Amino acid sequence: MHETIVQAQFGAHAANYVSSTAHSSGASLDHLREWMLALRPRRALDIATGGGHTALALSSACTQLLATDCTFPMLLAARQFLRAQGAQATVFALHNAEQLPFASACFDAITCRLAAHHFASPAQFVSESVRCLRPSGCLAVIDNVALENPAAAALINAFERLRDPSHGRHQTPADWQKLFAANGLAVVCNLPYRKALNFSDYCTRMSVPAHTRAQLSAVLLQAPALVHSYFNPRHIDGALWFDLHEILIIGTLAH
């Protein structure tokens, strides 16, 4: 079962995600924070909160914030982190992102950051999120995205899955547009980003063994031109760096 693989992967590395600078900061997170501060939702839900960084960024904008995850050790790590940061209005729940245990129309805003590529059914995640939104509520998703070219997208996803067996699939920007439209969400924000990652940190966060690191670095450095351009591998002060691409997409529900 895919959820069991996700729980095993992230449960064993929960502390690494709390301390990860790649997850604790970034332009997309800054823009999401700015959006929510302007919106000021009364009740918000952060799905697959991971290390809790998105919940922390949103906590000052919401009267009540519910942070949830399907992995118990990750949820405990996030709760410890958020309480240490003084996020008093946050409560926590353990659940699957595609089967939300909440009444319909009970949240003003729902967020999900850097997690949907692990979901078995992103379409069901969006559908369930919309069910739980109040009229005029918004769904905000930040996630890594693949290229529209199918062969290039397949190689990018294979690279991610080699490093992390719980990886499902990076959607494309067009995929997210279609999922939002199919669920009655009007897209009001759709911003692209390049995220620079230190290759060693990227591997260490998931305890990737040496032989797999060698395979991953070979993919980065020897990929076909289109994928090589996507990853943009380069050495900085002797360390290998590369890029992943992500988007922030926000949709609002009709009245």
Protein backbone atom coordinates (compact mmCIF):
# COMPACT_ATOMS: atom_id res chain seq x y z
CA MET A 1 0.00 0.00 0.00
CA HIS A 2 1.41 3.36 -1.05
CA GLU A 3 0.48 5.12 2.19
CA THR A 4 2.48 2.53 4.16
CA ILE A 5 5.57 3.31 2.06
CA VAL A 6 5.09 7.04 2.66
CA GLN A 7 4.73 6.51 6.40
CA ALA A 8 7.86 4.34 6.54
CA GLN A 9 9.95 6.83 4.59
CA PHE A 10 8.91 9.97 6.43
CA GLY A 11 8.46 8.43 9.86
CA ALA A 12 12.13 7.43 9.84
CA HIS A 13 13.30 10.88 8.73
CA ALA A 14 10.88 13.26 10.46
CA ALA A 15 13.58 15.23 12.29
CA ASN A 16 15.46 15.79 9.03
CA TYR A 17 12.45 17.54 7.54
CA VAL A 18 11.99 19.82 10.54
CA SER A 19 15.62 20.98 10.19
CA SER A 20 15.59 21.13 6.36
CA THR A 21 16.29 24.61 5.00
CA ALA A 22 14.81 23.52 1.67
CA HIS A 23 11.46 23.07 3.46
CA SER A 24 11.63 25.86 6.03
CA SER A 25 12.02 28.71 3.52
CA GLY A 26 11.59 29.71 -0.10
CA ALA A 27 9.97 32.30 -2.33
CA SER A 28 6.82 30.21 -2.83
CA LEU A 29 6.33 29.90 0.93
CA ASP A 30 6.84 33.66 1.33
CA HIS A 31 4.20 34.36 -1.31
CA LEU A 32 1.77 31.93 0.28
CA ARG A 33 2.28 33.63 3.64
CA GLU A 34 1.62 37.05 2.07
CA TRP A 35 -1.55 35.76 0.41
CA MET A 36 -2.93 34.32 3.65
CA LEU A 37 -2.05 37.42 5.65
CA ALA A 38 -4.15 39.43 3.18
CA LEU A 39 -6.97 36.87 3.22
CA ARG A 40 -7.06 36.35 7.01
CA PRO A 41 -9.04 33.07 6.97
CA ARG A 42 -10.81 32.32 10.23
CA ARG A 43 -10.32 28.55 10.05
CA ALA A 44 -7.61 26.94 7.94
CA LEU A 45 -6.32 23.43 7.31
CA ASP A 46 -2.72 22.56 6.38
CA ILE A 47 -2.71 19.08 4.81
CA ALA A 48 0.44 16.92 4.98
CA THR A 49 2.12 19.50 7.16
CA GLY A 50 5.44 17.60 7.23
CA GLY A 51 7.88 19.44 9.47
CA GLY A 52 5.28 22.13 10.17
CA HIS A 53 6.91 25.01 8.29
CA THR A 54 3.84 25.92 6.26
CA ALA A 55 1.66 25.77 9.37
CA LEU A 56 4.09 28.08 11.14
CA ALA A 57 4.05 30.53 8.23
CA LEU A 58 0.23 30.60 8.28
CA SER A 59 -0.35 30.53 12.03
CA SER A 60 -0.27 34.32 12.43
CA ALA A 61 -2.83 34.75 9.64
CA CYS A 62 -5.51 32.40 11.01
CA THR A 63 -7.75 32.38 14.05
CA GLN A 64 -7.54 28.59 14.10
CA LEU A 65 -5.18 26.38 12.12
CA LEU A 66 -5.40 22.60 11.92
CA ALA A 67 -2.14 20.90 10.90
CA THR A 68 -2.50 17.31 9.71
CA ASP A 69 -0.35 14.48 8.36
CA CYS A 70 -0.69 10.75 7.70
CA THR A 71 2.64 9.92 9.41
CA PHE A 72 2.51 9.93 13.21
CA PRO A 73 6.24 10.60 13.92
CA MET A 74 6.13 13.50 11.45
CA LEU A 75 3.05 14.93 13.14
CA LEU A 76 4.74 14.68 16.55
CA ALA A 77 7.86 16.41 15.20
CA ALA A 78 5.75 19.17 13.67
CA ARG A 79 3.81 19.67 16.90
CA GLN A 80 7.03 19.95 18.91
CA PHE A 81 8.48 22.40 16.39
CA LEU A 82 5.37 24.58 16.21
CA ARG A 83 4.92 24.73 19.98
CA ALA A 84 8.58 25.67 20.38
CA GLN A 85 7.91 28.53 17.94
CA GLY A 86 4.90 29.70 19.95
CA ALA A 87 2.18 28.77 17.42
CA GLN A 88 -0.54 28.51 20.06
CA ALA A 89 -3.59 28.49 17.77
CA THR A 90 -2.56 25.30 16.00
CA VAL A 91 -4.16 21.91 16.63
CA PHE A 92 -3.11 18.57 15.12
CA ALA A 93 -4.77 15.52 13.58
CA LEU A 94 -3.61 12.29 11.93
CA HIS A 95 -5.33 11.50 8.63
CA ASN A 96 -4.96 10.65 4.95
CA ALA A 97 -4.96 13.59 2.53
CA GLU A 98 -7.43 11.90 0.19
CA GLN A 99 -9.99 11.00 2.88
CA LEU A 100 -10.55 14.07 5.02
CA PRO A 101 -12.43 13.31 8.26
CA PHE A 102 -14.17 16.69 8.33
CA ALA A 103 -17.67 17.95 7.65
CA SER A 104 -18.35 19.64 4.34
CA ALA A 105 -17.87 23.41 4.08
CA CYS A 106 -15.95 23.83 7.33
CA PHE A 107 -12.70 25.61 6.29
CA ASP A 108 -12.04 29.04 4.83
CA ALA A 109 -8.65 28.00 3.43
CA ILE A 110 -6.80 24.75 2.82
CA THR A 111 -3.09 24.53 2.04
CA CYS A 112 -0.75 21.74 1.00
CA ARG A 113 2.95 22.28 0.34
CA LEU A 114 5.55 19.93 -1.18
CA ALA A 115 3.49 16.82 -0.49
CA ALA A 116 0.98 16.15 -3.28
CA HIS A 117 3.57 14.31 -5.38
CA HIS A 118 3.41 11.59 -2.69
CA PHE A 119 -0.38 11.20 -2.91
CA ALA A 120 -1.83 8.11 -4.56
CA SER A 121 -4.62 10.26 -6.03
CA PRO A 122 -4.03 14.02 -6.32
CA ALA A 123 -7.44 14.28 -7.98
CA GLN A 124 -9.16 12.85 -4.90
CA PHE A 125 -7.11 15.17 -2.68
CA VAL A 126 -8.40 18.20 -4.62
CA SER A 127 -11.97 16.88 -4.62
CA GLU A 128 -11.94 16.25 -0.86
CA SER A 129 -10.37 19.65 -0.20
CA VAL A 130 -13.09 21.39 -2.23
CA ARG A 131 -15.77 19.45 -0.33
CA CYS A 132 -14.40 20.86 2.91
CA LEU A 133 -14.19 24.47 1.70
CA ARG A 134 -16.81 27.06 2.53
CA PRO A 135 -18.22 29.17 -0.32
CA SER A 136 -15.51 31.63 -1.47
CA GLY A 137 -12.88 29.53 0.34
CA CYS A 138 -9.51 28.87 -1.27
CA LEU A 139 -7.22 25.91 -1.89
CA ALA A 140 -3.49 26.71 -2.15
CA VAL A 141 -1.04 24.09 -3.37
CA ILE A 142 2.73 24.36 -3.61
CA ASP A 143 4.37 21.38 -5.24
CA ASN A 144 7.21 20.31 -7.48
CA VAL A 145 6.20 20.06 -11.12
CA ALA A 146 7.56 18.14 -14.10
CA LEU A 147 7.96 19.27 -17.69
CA GLU A 148 5.04 18.96 -20.09
CA ASN A 149 7.10 16.68 -22.36
CA PRO A 150 6.05 13.10 -21.37
CA ALA A 151 9.48 11.51 -21.82
CA ALA A 152 11.18 14.27 -19.86
CA ALA A 153 8.55 14.08 -17.12
CA ALA A 154 9.02 10.30 -16.87
CA LEU A 155 12.78 10.71 -16.34
CA ILE A 156 12.31 13.45 -13.73
CA ASN A 157 9.86 11.26 -11.82
CA ALA A 158 12.16 8.24 -12.09
CA PHE A 159 14.99 10.33 -10.62
CA GLU A 160 12.82 11.33 -7.65
CA ARG A 161 11.57 7.77 -7.14
CA LEU A 162 15.13 6.40 -7.14
CA ARG A 163 15.95 8.68 -4.24
CA ASP A 164 12.60 8.19 -2.46
CA PRO A 165 10.39 5.12 -3.15
CA SER A 166 7.40 6.96 -1.69
CA HIS A 167 7.47 9.46 -4.55
CA GLY A 168 4.36 9.19 -6.69
CA ARG A 169 4.34 11.66 -9.56
CA HIS A 170 5.08 15.31 -10.17
CA GLN A 171 2.08 16.78 -11.91
CA THR A 172 2.68 19.29 -14.68
CA PRO A 173 1.41 22.88 -14.38
CA ALA A 174 -1.30 21.97 -16.90
CA ASP A 175 -2.33 19.00 -14.75
CA TRP A 176 -2.91 21.27 -11.77
CA GLN A 177 -4.90 23.74 -13.88
CA LYS A 178 -7.14 20.90 -15.06
CA LEU A 179 -7.62 19.47 -11.54
CA PHE A 180 -8.62 22.87 -10.17
CA ALA A 181 -11.00 23.60 -13.06
CA ALA A 182 -12.60 20.15 -12.82
CA ASN A 183 -13.46 20.85 -9.17
CA GLY A 184 -14.93 24.31 -9.66
CA LEU A 185 -11.92 26.30 -8.50
CA ALA A 186 -11.15 29.57 -10.24
CA VAL A 187 -7.37 29.97 -10.39
CA VAL A 188 -6.41 33.36 -8.96
CA CYS A 189 -2.67 32.74 -8.57
CA ASN A 190 -0.31 30.51 -10.56
CA LEU A 191 3.38 31.28 -10.07
CA PRO A 192 6.41 29.22 -11.18
CA TYR A 193 9.65 28.89 -9.20
CA ARG A 194 13.07 27.30 -9.51
CA LYS A 195 14.32 25.82 -6.24
CA ALA A 196 18.07 25.27 -5.83
CA LEU A 197 19.01 22.14 -3.87
CA ASN A 198 22.30 20.93 -2.49
CA PHE A 199 22.62 17.37 -3.80
CA SER A 200 24.31 16.04 -0.65
CA ASP A 201 21.57 17.49 1.59
CA TYR A 202 18.89 16.17 -0.76
CA CYS A 203 20.28 12.63 -0.40
CA THR A 204 21.15 12.78 3.30
CA ARG A 205 17.61 13.88 4.20
CA MET A 206 16.37 10.44 3.09
CA SER A 207 19.50 8.43 4.08
CA VAL A 208 20.25 7.55 0.45
CA PRO A 209 23.07 4.95 0.22
CA ALA A 210 26.29 5.67 -1.65
CA HIS A 211 25.55 3.49 -4.69
CA THR A 212 22.18 5.19 -5.21
CA ARG A 213 23.79 8.63 -4.83
CA ALA A 214 26.16 7.69 -7.63
CA GLN A 215 23.22 6.73 -9.84
CA LEU A 216 21.38 9.95 -9.04
CA SER A 217 24.40 12.16 -9.77
CA ALA A 218 24.87 10.32 -13.08
CA VAL A 219 21.27 11.11 -14.04
CA LEU A 220 21.79 14.78 -13.22
CA LEU A 221 25.02 15.11 -15.17
CA GLN A 222 24.21 12.89 -18.14
CA ALA A 223 20.51 13.58 -18.72
CA PRO A 224 19.21 14.50 -22.19
CA ALA A 225 19.32 18.21 -22.99
CA LEU A 226 15.73 19.03 -21.98
CA VAL A 227 16.01 17.30 -18.61
CA HIS A 228 19.55 18.61 -18.08
CA SER A 229 18.18 22.13 -18.55
CA TYR A 230 15.38 21.41 -16.05
CA PHE A 231 17.81 20.15 -13.37
CA ASN A 232 20.55 22.69 -14.25
CA PRO A 233 23.28 20.75 -12.38
CA ARG A 234 26.34 22.80 -11.39
CA HIS A 235 29.16 22.76 -8.89
CA ILE A 236 29.41 25.56 -6.33
CA ASP A 237 32.49 25.58 -4.08
CA GLY A 238 33.02 21.91 -4.87
CA ALA A 239 29.45 20.85 -4.03
CA LEU A 240 26.90 19.61 -6.56
CA TRP A 241 23.71 21.66 -6.80
CA PHE A 242 20.64 21.25 -8.98
CA ASP A 243 17.15 22.67 -9.40
CA LEU A 244 13.64 21.37 -9.01
CA HIS A 245 10.71 23.36 -10.37
CA GLU A 246 7.61 24.12 -8.34
CA ILE A 247 4.44 26.17 -8.56
CA LEU A 248 2.12 27.98 -6.19
CA ILE A 249 -1.42 27.59 -7.46
CA ILE A 250 -4.39 29.08 -5.58
CA GLY A 251 -8.01 28.55 -6.52
CA THR A 252 -11.17 30.01 -5.02
CA LEU A 253 -14.55 28.34 -4.76
CA ALA A 254 -17.58 30.10 -6.19
CA HIS A 255 -20.11 31.61 -3.80
